[in-house]
PDB file of N, CA and C in Angstrom:
ATOM      1  N   MET A   1     -20.015   5.223   9.473  1.00  0.00           N
ATOM      2  CA  MET A   1     -18.626   5.223   9.931  1.00  0.00           C
ATOM      3  C   MET A   1     -17.986   3.799   9.799  1.00  0.00           C
ATOM      4  N   GLN A   2     -18.811   2.791   9.935  1.00  0.00           N
ATOM      5  CA  GLN A   2     -18.210   1.404   9.938  1.00  0.00           C
ATOM      6  C   GLN A   2     -17.742   1.056   8.525  1.00  0.00           C
ATOM      7  N   PHE A   3     -18.325   1.598   7.444  1.00  0.00           N
ATOM      8  CA  PHE A   3     -17.928   1.122   6.093  1.00  0.00           C
ATOM      9  C   PHE A   3     -16.479   1.530   5.769  1.00  0.00           C
ATOM     10  N   PRO A   4     -16.076   2.769   6.005  1.00  0.00           N
ATOM     11  CA  PRO A   4     -14.697   3.084   5.664  1.00  0.00           C
ATOM     12  C   PRO A   4     -13.712   2.282   6.569  1.00  0.00           C
ATOM     13  N   ILE A   5     -14.062   1.995   7.746  1.00  0.00           N
ATOM     14  CA  ILE A   5     -13.126   1.209   8.623  1.00  0.00           C
ATOM     15  C   ILE A   5     -13.114  -0.152   8.127  1.00  0.00           C
ATOM     16  N   ALA A   6     -14.171  -0.718   7.685  1.00  0.00           N
ATOM     17  CA  ALA A   6     -14.239  -2.099   7.184  1.00  0.00           C
ATOM     18  C   ALA A   6     -13.428  -2.144   5.898  1.00  0.00           C
ATOM     19  N   GLU A   7     -13.580  -1.125   5.018  1.00  0.00           N
ATOM     20  CA  GLU A   7     -12.831  -1.083   3.745  1.00  0.00           C
ATOM     21  C   GLU A   7     -11.333  -0.975   4.029  1.00  0.00           C
ATOM     22  N   ALA A   8     -10.879  -0.189   4.952  1.00  0.00           N
ATOM     23  CA  ALA A   8      -9.504  -0.173   5.288  1.00  0.00           C
ATOM     24  C   ALA A   8      -9.013  -1.475   5.799  1.00  0.00           C
ATOM     25  N   HIS A   9      -9.796  -2.111   6.570  1.00  0.00           N
ATOM     26  CA  HIS A   9      -9.377  -3.471   7.161  1.00  0.00           C
ATOM     27  C   HIS A   9      -9.234  -4.530   6.013  1.00  0.00           C
ATOM     28  N   ILE A  10     -10.169  -4.505   5.114  1.00  0.00           N
ATOM     29  CA  ILE A  10     -10.079  -5.380   3.974  1.00  0.00           C
ATOM     30  C   ILE A  10      -8.835  -5.126   3.183  1.00  0.00           C
ATOM     31  N   GLU A  11      -8.433  -3.898   2.885  1.00  0.00           N
ATOM     32  CA  GLU A  11      -7.239  -3.573   2.131  1.00  0.00           C
ATOM     33  C   GLU A  11      -5.963  -3.986   2.829  1.00  0.00           C
ATOM     34  N   VAL A  12      -5.950  -3.762   4.172  1.00  0.00           N
ATOM     35  CA  VAL A  12      -4.834  -4.190   4.985  1.00  0.00           C
ATOM     36  C   VAL A  12      -4.654  -5.661   4.901  1.00  0.00           C
ATOM     37  N   GLU A  13      -5.745  -6.447   5.022  1.00  0.00           N
ATOM     38  CA  GLU A  13      -5.750  -7.838   5.031  1.00  0.00           C
ATOM     39  C   GLU A  13      -5.231  -8.369   3.673  1.00  0.00           C
ATOM     40  N   ALA A  14      -5.711  -7.721   2.595  1.00  0.00           N
ATOM     41  CA  ALA A  14      -5.206  -8.180   1.262  1.00  0.00           C
ATOM     42  C   ALA A  14      -3.740  -7.960   1.140  1.00  0.00           C
ATOM     43  N   ALA A  15      -3.160  -6.873   1.636  1.00  0.00           N
ATOM     44  CA  ALA A  15      -1.705  -6.534   1.635  1.00  0.00           C
ATOM     45  C   ALA A  15      -1.037  -7.680   2.456  1.00  0.00           C
ATOM     46  N   ASP A  16      -1.579  -7.995   3.560  1.00  0.00           N
ATOM     47  CA  ASP A  16      -0.945  -8.984   4.433  1.00  0.00           C
ATOM     48  C   ASP A  16      -0.911 -10.350   3.744  1.00  0.00           C
ATOM     49  N   LEU A  17      -2.009 -10.727   3.107  1.00  0.00           N
ATOM     50  CA  LEU A  17      -1.976 -11.986   2.393  1.00  0.00           C
ATOM     51  C   LEU A  17      -0.865 -12.053   1.273  1.00  0.00           C
ATOM     52  N   MET A  18      -0.768 -10.968   0.561  1.00  0.00           N
ATOM     53  CA  MET A  18       0.258 -10.920  -0.432  1.00  0.00           C
ATOM     54  C   MET A  18       1.674 -10.957   0.183  1.00  0.00           C
ATOM     55  N   ARG A  19       1.807 -10.371   1.344  1.00  0.00           N
ATOM     56  CA  ARG A  19       3.090 -10.357   2.023  1.00  0.00           C
ATOM     57  C   ARG A  19       3.431 -11.869   2.353  1.00  0.00           C
ATOM     58  N   TRP A  20       2.477 -12.611   2.871  1.00  0.00           N
ATOM     59  CA  TRP A  20       2.701 -13.999   3.272  1.00  0.00           C
ATOM     60  C   TRP A  20       3.008 -14.776   2.025  1.00  0.00           C
ATOM     61  N   GLN A  21       2.311 -14.511   0.894  1.00  0.00           N
ATOM     62  CA  GLN A  21       2.642 -15.236  -0.367  1.00  0.00           C
ATOM     63  C   GLN A  21       4.124 -14.951  -0.707  1.00  0.00           C
ATOM     64  N   ALA A  22       4.580 -13.725  -0.638  1.00  0.00           N
ATOM     65  CA  ALA A  22       6.032 -13.444  -0.909  1.00  0.00           C
ATOM     66  C   ALA A  22       6.949 -14.224   0.041  1.00  0.00           C
ATOM     67  N   CYS A  23       6.580 -14.232   1.269  1.00  0.00           N
ATOM     68  CA  CYS A  23       7.387 -14.949   2.306  1.00  0.00           C
ATOM     69  C   CYS A  23       7.491 -16.381   1.977  1.00  0.00           C
ATOM     70  N   GLN A  24       6.387 -16.985   1.599  1.00  0.00           N
ATOM     71  CA  GLN A  24       6.382 -18.455   1.251  1.00  0.00           C
ATOM     72  C   GLN A  24       7.171 -18.702   0.074  1.00  0.00           C
ATOM     73  N   ALA A  25       7.113 -17.861  -0.955  1.00  0.00           N
ATOM     74  CA  ALA A  25       7.917 -18.027  -2.157  1.00  0.00           C
ATOM     75  C   ALA A  25       9.404 -17.896  -1.837  1.00  0.00           C
ATOM     76  N   PHE A  26       9.696 -16.892  -1.039  1.00  0.00           N
ATOM     77  CA  PHE A  26      11.136 -16.661  -0.681  1.00  0.00           C
ATOM     78  C   PHE A  26      11.690 -17.900   0.153  1.00  0.00           C
ATOM     79  N   ASP A  27      10.911 -18.316   1.089  1.00  0.00           N
ATOM     80  CA  ASP A  27      11.374 -19.459   1.867  1.00  0.00           C
ATOM     81  C   ASP A  27      11.514 -20.747   1.044  1.00  0.00           C
ATOM     82  N   ALA A  28      10.786 -20.899  -0.017  1.00  0.00           N
ATOM     83  CA  ALA A  28      10.865 -22.101  -0.872  1.00  0.00           C
ATOM     84  C   ALA A  28      11.948 -21.874  -1.957  1.00  0.00           C
ATOM     85  N   GLY A  29      12.628 -20.812  -1.926  1.00  0.00           N
ATOM     86  CA  GLY A  29      13.665 -20.551  -2.914  1.00  0.00           C
ATOM     87  C   GLY A  29      13.114 -20.173  -4.207  1.00  0.00           C
ATOM     88  N   LEU A  30      11.885 -19.702  -4.300  1.00  0.00           N
ATOM     89  CA  LEU A  30      11.281 -19.223  -5.563  1.00  0.00           C
ATOM     90  C   LEU A  30      11.422 -17.741  -5.676  1.00  0.00           C
ATOM     91  N   PRO A  31      11.179 -17.243  -6.848  1.00  0.00           N
ATOM     92  CA  PRO A  31      11.164 -15.821  -7.037  1.00  0.00           C
ATOM     93  C   PRO A  31      10.100 -15.139  -6.304  1.00  0.00           C
ATOM     94  N   ALA A  32      10.381 -14.127  -5.566  1.00  0.00           N
ATOM     95  CA  ALA A  32       9.366 -13.424  -4.630  1.00  0.00           C
ATOM     96  C   ALA A  32       9.227 -12.001  -4.945  1.00  0.00           C
ATOM     97  N   GLY A  33       9.967 -11.487  -6.025  1.00  0.00           N
ATOM     98  CA  GLY A  33       9.886 -10.135  -6.357  1.00  0.00           C
ATOM     99  C   GLY A  33       8.551  -9.606  -6.599  1.00  0.00           C
ATOM    100  N   ALA A  34       7.832 -10.290  -7.491  1.00  0.00           N
ATOM    101  CA  ALA A  34       6.525  -9.794  -7.888  1.00  0.00           C
ATOM    102  C   ALA A  34       5.607  -9.729  -6.636  1.00  0.00           C
ATOM    103  N   SER A  35       5.488 -10.756  -5.835  1.00  0.00           N
ATOM    104  CA  SER A  35       4.612 -10.812  -4.679  1.00  0.00           C
ATOM    105  C   SER A  35       4.995  -9.742  -3.659  1.00  0.00           C
ATOM    106  N   ALA A  36       6.310  -9.622  -3.455  1.00  0.00           N
ATOM    107  CA  ALA A  36       6.794  -8.570  -2.465  1.00  0.00           C
ATOM    108  C   ALA A  36       6.453  -7.178  -3.000  1.00  0.00           C
ATOM    109  N   ASN A  37       6.631  -6.919  -4.272  1.00  0.00           N
ATOM    110  CA  ASN A  37       6.338  -5.664  -4.774  1.00  0.00           C
ATOM    111  C   ASN A  37       4.834  -5.312  -4.702  1.00  0.00           C
ATOM    112  N   MET A  38       3.972  -6.358  -5.012  1.00  0.00           N
ATOM    113  CA  MET A  38       2.521  -6.159  -4.962  1.00  0.00           C
ATOM    114  C   MET A  38       2.059  -5.972  -3.472  1.00  0.00           C
ATOM    115  N   ALA A  39       2.753  -6.726  -2.561  1.00  0.00           N
ATOM    116  CA  ALA A  39       2.387  -6.492  -1.138  1.00  0.00           C
ATOM    117  C   ALA A  39       2.733  -5.059  -0.677  1.00  0.00           C
ATOM    118  N   LYS A  40       3.804  -4.528  -1.094  1.00  0.00           N
ATOM    119  CA  LYS A  40       4.212  -3.195  -0.790  1.00  0.00           C
ATOM    120  C   LYS A  40       3.298  -2.175  -1.366  1.00  0.00           C
ATOM    121  N   TYR A  41       2.930  -2.430  -2.556  1.00  0.00           N
ATOM    122  CA  TYR A  41       1.908  -1.541  -3.306  1.00  0.00           C
ATOM    123  C   TYR A  41       0.654  -1.473  -2.496  1.00  0.00           C
ATOM    124  N   LEU A  42       0.107  -2.716  -2.289  1.00  0.00           N
ATOM    125  CA  LEU A  42      -1.208  -2.756  -1.538  1.00  0.00           C
ATOM    126  C   LEU A  42      -1.140  -2.131  -0.199  1.00  0.00           C
ATOM    127  N   ALA A  43      -0.065  -2.381   0.534  1.00  0.00           N
ATOM    128  CA  ALA A  43       0.068  -1.801   1.826  1.00  0.00           C
ATOM    129  C   ALA A  43       0.128  -0.305   1.844  1.00  0.00           C
ATOM    130  N   ALA A  44       0.870   0.222   0.938  1.00  0.00           N
ATOM    131  CA  ALA A  44       1.010   1.687   0.760  1.00  0.00           C
ATOM    132  C   ALA A  44      -0.402   2.293   0.445  1.00  0.00           C
ATOM    133  N   LYS A  45      -1.060   1.694  -0.504  1.00  0.00           N
ATOM    134  CA  LYS A  45      -2.444   2.172  -0.860  1.00  0.00           C
ATOM    135  C   LYS A  45      -3.381   2.055   0.299  1.00  0.00           C
ATOM    136  N   ALA A  46      -3.368   0.917   0.999  1.00  0.00           N
ATOM    137  CA  ALA A  46      -4.280   0.741   2.147  1.00  0.00           C
ATOM    138  C   ALA A  46      -3.993   1.813   3.232  1.00  0.00           C
ATOM    139  N   SER A  47      -2.690   2.082   3.463  1.00  0.00           N
ATOM    140  CA  SER A  47      -2.337   3.053   4.513  1.00  0.00           C
ATOM    141  C   SER A  47      -2.747   4.485   4.122  1.00  0.00           C
ATOM    142  N   TRP A  48      -2.663   4.778   2.818  1.00  0.00           N
ATOM    143  CA  TRP A  48      -3.041   6.057   2.331  1.00  0.00           C
ATOM    144  C   TRP A  48      -4.544   6.295   2.451  1.00  0.00           C
ATOM    145  N   GLU A  49      -5.259   5.224   1.997  1.00  0.00           N
ATOM    146  CA  GLU A  49      -6.747   5.384   2.058  1.00  0.00           C
ATOM    147  C   GLU A  49      -7.213   5.430   3.490  1.00  0.00           C
ATOM    148  N   ALA A  50      -6.691   4.700   4.411  1.00  0.00           N
ATOM    149  CA  ALA A  50      -7.149   4.782   5.752  1.00  0.00           C
ATOM    150  C   ALA A  50      -6.770   6.190   6.330  1.00  0.00           C
ATOM    151  N   ALA A  51      -5.604   6.751   6.078  1.00  0.00           N
ATOM    152  CA  ALA A  51      -5.270   8.008   6.603  1.00  0.00           C
ATOM    153  C   ALA A  51      -6.202   9.061   6.023  1.00  0.00           C
ATOM    154  N   ASN A  52      -6.536   8.993   4.677  1.00  0.00           N
ATOM    155  CA  ASN A  52      -7.424   9.937   4.059  1.00  0.00           C
ATOM    156  C   ASN A  52      -8.851   9.925   4.745  1.00  0.00           C
ATOM    157  N   VAL A  53      -9.370   8.746   4.970  1.00  0.00           N
ATOM    158  CA  VAL A  53     -10.647   8.614   5.632  1.00  0.00           C
ATOM    159  C   VAL A  53     -10.550   9.178   6.974  1.00  0.00           C
ATOM    160  N   CYS A  54      -9.523   8.929   7.727  1.00  0.00           N
ATOM    161  CA  CYS A  54      -9.305   9.480   9.079  1.00  0.00           C
ATOM    162  C   CYS A  54      -9.339  10.950   9.110  1.00  0.00           C
ATOM    163  N   LEU A  55      -8.570  11.549   8.179  1.00  0.00           N
ATOM    164  CA  LEU A  55      -8.528  12.984   8.063  1.00  0.00           C
ATOM    165  C   LEU A  55      -9.903  13.545   7.680  1.00  0.00           C
ATOM    166  N   GLN A  56     -10.570  12.947   6.767  1.00  0.00           N
ATOM    167  CA  GLN A  56     -11.926  13.393   6.328  1.00  0.00           C
ATOM    168  C   GLN A  56     -12.932  13.269   7.463  1.00  0.00           C
ATOM    169  N   THR A  57     -12.835  12.264   8.219  1.00  0.00           N
ATOM    170  CA  THR A  57     -13.809  12.010   9.262  1.00  0.00           C
ATOM    171  C   THR A  57     -13.628  13.042  10.376  1.00  0.00           C
ATOM    172  N   HIS A  58     -12.330  13.372  10.682  1.00  0.00           N
ATOM    173  CA  HIS A  58     -12.120  14.392  11.742  1.00  0.00           C
ATOM    174  C   HIS A  58     -12.266  15.808  11.355  1.00  0.00           C
ATOM    175  N   GLY A  59     -12.368  16.047   9.998  1.00  0.00           N
ATOM    176  CA  GLY A  59     -12.532  17.435   9.513  1.00  0.00           C
ATOM    177  C   GLY A  59     -11.361  18.262   9.865  1.00  0.00           C
ATOM    178  N   GLY A  60     -11.705  19.441  10.350  1.00  0.00           N
ATOM    179  CA  GLY A  60     -10.690  20.478  10.754  1.00  0.00           C
ATOM    180  C   GLY A  60      -9.864  20.005  11.849  1.00  0.00           C
ATOM    181  N   PHE A  61     -10.389  19.213  12.778  1.00  0.00           N
ATOM    182  CA  PHE A  61      -9.603  18.707  13.877  1.00  0.00           C
ATOM    183  C   PHE A  61      -8.482  17.795  13.427  1.00  0.00           C
ATOM    184  N   GLY A  62      -8.647  17.225  12.214  1.00  0.00           N
ATOM    185  CA  GLY A  62      -7.562  16.325  11.691  1.00  0.00           C
ATOM    186  C   GLY A  62      -6.244  17.119  11.527  1.00  0.00           C
ATOM    187  N   PHE A  63      -6.322  18.433  11.435  1.00  0.00           N
ATOM    188  CA  PHE A  63      -5.130  19.264  11.261  1.00  0.00           C
ATOM    189  C   PHE A  63      -4.574  19.778  12.527  1.00  0.00           C
ATOM    190  N   ALA A  64      -5.287  19.568  13.654  1.00  0.00           N
ATOM    191  CA  ALA A  64      -4.925  19.984  14.993  1.00  0.00           C
ATOM    192  C   ALA A  64      -3.752  19.162  15.468  1.00  0.00           C
ATOM    193  N   THR A  65      -2.690  19.748  15.890  1.00  0.00           N
ATOM    194  CA  THR A  65      -1.510  19.015  16.313  1.00  0.00           C
ATOM    195  C   THR A  65      -1.799  18.082  17.574  1.00  0.00           C
ATOM    196  N   GLU A  66      -2.838  18.476  18.282  1.00  0.00           N
ATOM    197  CA  GLU A  66      -3.128  17.646  19.578  1.00  0.00           C
ATOM    198  C   GLU A  66      -3.529  16.170  19.224  1.00  0.00           C
ATOM    199  N   TYR A  67      -3.998  15.966  18.012  1.00  0.00           N
ATOM    200  CA  TYR A  67      -4.506  14.637  17.696  1.00  0.00           C
ATOM    201  C   TYR A  67      -3.588  13.785  16.835  1.00  0.00           C
ATOM    202  N   ASP A  68      -2.518  14.318  16.405  1.00  0.00           N
ATOM    203  CA  ASP A  68      -1.440  13.574  15.668  1.00  0.00           C
ATOM    204  C   ASP A  68      -2.032  13.010  14.300  1.00  0.00           C
ATOM    205  N   ILE A  69      -3.201  13.402  13.955  1.00  0.00           N
ATOM    206  CA  ILE A  69      -3.795  12.858  12.643  1.00  0.00           C
ATOM    207  C   ILE A  69      -3.047  13.511  11.436  1.00  0.00           C
ATOM    208  N   GLU A  70      -2.747  14.725  11.547  1.00  0.00           N
ATOM    209  CA  GLU A  70      -2.028  15.438  10.361  1.00  0.00           C
ATOM    210  C   GLU A  70      -0.633  14.878  10.202  1.00  0.00           C
ATOM    211  N   ARG A  71       0.080  14.579  11.300  1.00  0.00           N
ATOM    212  CA  ARG A  71       1.403  14.025  11.174  1.00  0.00           C
ATOM    213  C   ARG A  71       1.414  12.651  10.562  1.00  0.00           C
ATOM    214  N   LYS A  72       0.439  11.789  11.058  1.00  0.00           N
ATOM    215  CA  LYS A  72       0.287  10.435  10.495  1.00  0.00           C
ATOM    216  C   LYS A  72      -0.143  10.490   9.007  1.00  0.00           C
ATOM    217  N   PHE A  73      -0.942  11.415   8.704  1.00  0.00           N
ATOM    218  CA  PHE A  73      -1.434  11.626   7.282  1.00  0.00           C
ATOM    219  C   PHE A  73      -0.195  11.915   6.403  1.00  0.00           C
ATOM    220  N   ARG A  74       0.660  12.789   6.870  1.00  0.00           N
ATOM    221  CA  ARG A  74       1.878  13.097   6.048  1.00  0.00           C
ATOM    222  C   ARG A  74       2.777  11.910   6.008  1.00  0.00           C
ATOM    223  N   GLU A  75       2.947  11.255   7.087  1.00  0.00           N
ATOM    224  CA  GLU A  75       3.856  10.108   7.145  1.00  0.00           C
ATOM    225  C   GLU A  75       3.395   8.934   6.182  1.00  0.00           C
ATOM    226  N   THR A  76       2.145   8.709   6.122  1.00  0.00           N
ATOM    227  CA  THR A  76       1.557   7.584   5.317  1.00  0.00           C
ATOM    228  C   THR A  76       1.901   7.904   3.872  1.00  0.00           C
ATOM    229  N   ARG A  77       1.972   9.107   3.499  1.00  0.00           N
ATOM    230  CA  ARG A  77       2.293   9.477   2.055  1.00  0.00           C
ATOM    231  C   ARG A  77       3.720   8.959   1.707  1.00  0.00           C
ATOM    232  N   LEU A  78       4.551   8.917   2.677  1.00  0.00           N
ATOM    233  CA  LEU A  78       5.916   8.463   2.453  1.00  0.00           C
ATOM    234  C   LEU A  78       5.936   7.030   1.947  1.00  0.00           C
ATOM    235  N   TYR A  79       5.014   6.210   2.346  1.00  0.00           N
ATOM    236  CA  TYR A  79       5.043   4.780   1.999  1.00  0.00           C
ATOM    237  C   TYR A  79       4.830   4.630   0.451  1.00  0.00           C
ATOM    238  N   GLN A  80       4.267   5.658  -0.226  1.00  0.00           N
ATOM    239  CA  GLN A  80       4.117   5.515  -1.644  1.00  0.00           C
ATOM    240  C   GLN A  80       5.324   5.909  -2.408  1.00  0.00           C
ATOM    241  N   VAL A  81       6.324   6.545  -1.736  1.00  0.00           N
ATOM    242  CA  VAL A  81       7.543   6.854  -2.521  1.00  0.00           C
ATOM    243  C   VAL A  81       8.839   6.327  -1.951  1.00  0.00           C
ATOM    244  N   ALA A  82       8.782   5.686  -0.793  1.00  0.00           N
ATOM    245  CA  ALA A  82      10.057   5.193  -0.216  1.00  0.00           C
ATOM    246  C   ALA A  82       9.768   3.866   0.496  1.00  0.00           C
ATOM    247  N   PRO A  83      10.634   2.967   0.460  1.00  0.00           N
ATOM    248  CA  PRO A  83      11.952   3.006  -0.211  1.00  0.00           C
ATOM    249  C   PRO A  83      11.823   2.788  -1.674  1.00  0.00           C
ATOM    250  N   ILE A  84      10.694   2.202  -2.249  1.00  0.00           N
ATOM    251  CA  ILE A  84      10.446   2.083  -3.615  1.00  0.00           C
ATOM    252  C   ILE A  84       9.105   2.734  -3.928  1.00  0.00           C
ATOM    253  N   SER A  85       9.120   3.556  -5.008  1.00  0.00           N
ATOM    254  CA  SER A  85       7.848   4.271  -5.259  1.00  0.00           C
ATOM    255  C   SER A  85       6.842   3.346  -5.963  1.00  0.00           C
ATOM    256  N   THR A  86       5.623   3.751  -5.828  1.00  0.00           N
ATOM    257  CA  THR A  86       4.582   2.867  -6.463  1.00  0.00           C
ATOM    258  C   THR A  86       4.744   2.860  -7.990  1.00  0.00           C
ATOM    259  N   ASN A  87       5.295   3.896  -8.561  1.00  0.00           N
ATOM    260  CA  ASN A  87       5.561   3.911 -10.029  1.00  0.00           C
ATOM    261  C   ASN A  87       6.561   2.801 -10.390  1.00  0.00           C
ATOM    262  N   LEU A  88       7.570   2.591  -9.618  1.00  0.00           N
ATOM    263  CA  LEU A  88       8.531   1.553  -9.916  1.00  0.00           C
ATOM    264  C   LEU A  88       7.905   0.140  -9.766  1.00  0.00           C
ATOM    265  N   ILE A  89       7.102   0.067  -8.760  1.00  0.00           N
ATOM    266  CA  ILE A  89       6.345  -1.194  -8.585  1.00  0.00           C
ATOM    267  C   ILE A  89       5.474  -1.533  -9.778  1.00  0.00           C
ATOM    268  N   LEU A  90       4.627  -0.531 -10.211  1.00  0.00           N
ATOM    269  CA  LEU A  90       3.829  -0.678 -11.309  1.00  0.00           C
ATOM    270  C   LEU A  90       4.709  -1.085 -12.570  1.00  0.00           C
ATOM    271  N   SER A  91       5.806  -0.433 -12.742  1.00  0.00           N
ATOM    272  CA  SER A  91       6.690  -0.670 -13.909  1.00  0.00           C
ATOM    273  C   SER A  91       7.203  -2.197 -13.818  1.00  0.00           C
ATOM    274  N   TYR A  92       7.546  -2.552 -12.627  1.00  0.00           N
ATOM    275  CA  TYR A  92       8.039  -3.978 -12.441  1.00  0.00           C
ATOM    276  C   TYR A  92       6.942  -4.948 -12.809  1.00  0.00           C
ATOM    277  N   VAL A  93       5.790  -4.738 -12.321  1.00  0.00           N
ATOM    278  CA  VAL A  93       4.639  -5.639 -12.587  1.00  0.00           C
ATOM    279  C   VAL A  93       4.362  -5.664 -14.059  1.00  0.00           C
ATOM    280  N   ALA A  94       4.323  -4.447 -14.683  1.00  0.00           N
ATOM    281  CA  ALA A  94       3.984  -4.380 -16.096  1.00  0.00           C
ATOM    282  C   ALA A  94       4.984  -5.145 -16.913  1.00  0.00           C
ATOM    283  N   GLU A  95       6.308  -4.964 -16.561  1.00  0.00           N
ATOM    284  CA  GLU A  95       7.378  -5.629 -17.437  1.00  0.00           C
ATOM    285  C   GLU A  95       7.529  -7.110 -17.076  1.00  0.00           C
ATOM    286  N   HIS A  96       7.616  -7.491 -15.814  1.00  0.00           N
ATOM    287  CA  HIS A  96       7.917  -8.847 -15.409  1.00  0.00           C
ATOM    288  C   HIS A  96       6.788  -9.771 -15.425  1.00  0.00           C
ATOM    289  N   LEU A  97       5.522  -9.221 -15.111  1.00  0.00           N
ATOM    290  CA  LEU A  97       4.365 -10.151 -15.021  1.00  0.00           C
ATOM    291  C   LEU A  97       3.545 -10.067 -16.291  1.00  0.00           C
ATOM    292  N   LEU A  98       3.402  -8.901 -16.840  1.00  0.00           N
ATOM    293  CA  LEU A  98       2.499  -8.759 -18.025  1.00  0.00           C
ATOM    294  C   LEU A  98       3.282  -8.690 -19.358  1.00  0.00           C
ATOM    295  N   GLY A  99       4.551  -8.622 -19.338  1.00  0.00           N
ATOM    296  CA  GLY A  99       5.309  -8.576 -20.522  1.00  0.00           C
ATOM    297  C   GLY A  99       5.200  -7.344 -21.393  1.00  0.00           C
ATOM    298  N   LEU A 100       4.954  -6.223 -20.653  1.00  0.00           N
ATOM    299  CA  LEU A 100       4.814  -4.971 -21.316  1.00  0.00           C
ATOM    300  C   LEU A 100       6.073  -4.143 -21.318  1.00  0.00           C
ATOM    301  N   PRO A 101       6.358  -3.266 -22.202  1.00  0.00           N
ATOM    302  CA  PRO A 101       5.580  -2.961 -23.396  1.00  0.00           C
ATOM    303  C   PRO A 101       5.833  -4.101 -24.491  1.00  0.00           C
ATOM    304  N   ARG A 102       4.763  -4.318 -25.200  1.00  0.00           N
ATOM    305  CA  ARG A 102       4.880  -5.385 -26.226  1.00  0.00           C
ATOM    306  C   ARG A 102       5.203  -4.719 -27.618  1.00  0.00           C
ATOM    307  N   SER A 103       6.019  -5.379 -28.308  1.00  0.00           N
ATOM    308  CA  SER A 103       6.386  -4.936 -29.702  1.00  0.00           C
ATOM    309  C   SER A 103       5.280  -5.537 -30.641  1.00  0.00           C
ATOM    310  N   PHE A 104       4.755  -4.633 -31.496  1.00  0.00           N
ATOM    311  CA  PHE A 104       3.746  -5.150 -32.481  1.00  0.00           C
ATOM    312  C   PHE A 104       4.359  -5.047 -33.906  1.00  0.00           C
TER     313      PHE A 104
END
């Protein structure tokens, strides 16, 4: 049980570090779009993975309304599509950081 919780913690911490990097760049007047987008991507992914582990751990009880796990599971999916979808973030990173698509 401790490994999935530790994994979720690591992913949340990684998202938090990227968030702070974006904040520092913004405060310094530097471009922060890439860091902010990557922080949002990592946070959405961490949230989804943690919710998935939570639901899997609770089994059928995860769908019982008394525990609110099902509701939180549904809500965490929202982070991957709003306010900016993970596909848009990946597109931003590919275009602005990796220079894709490349013409050959």
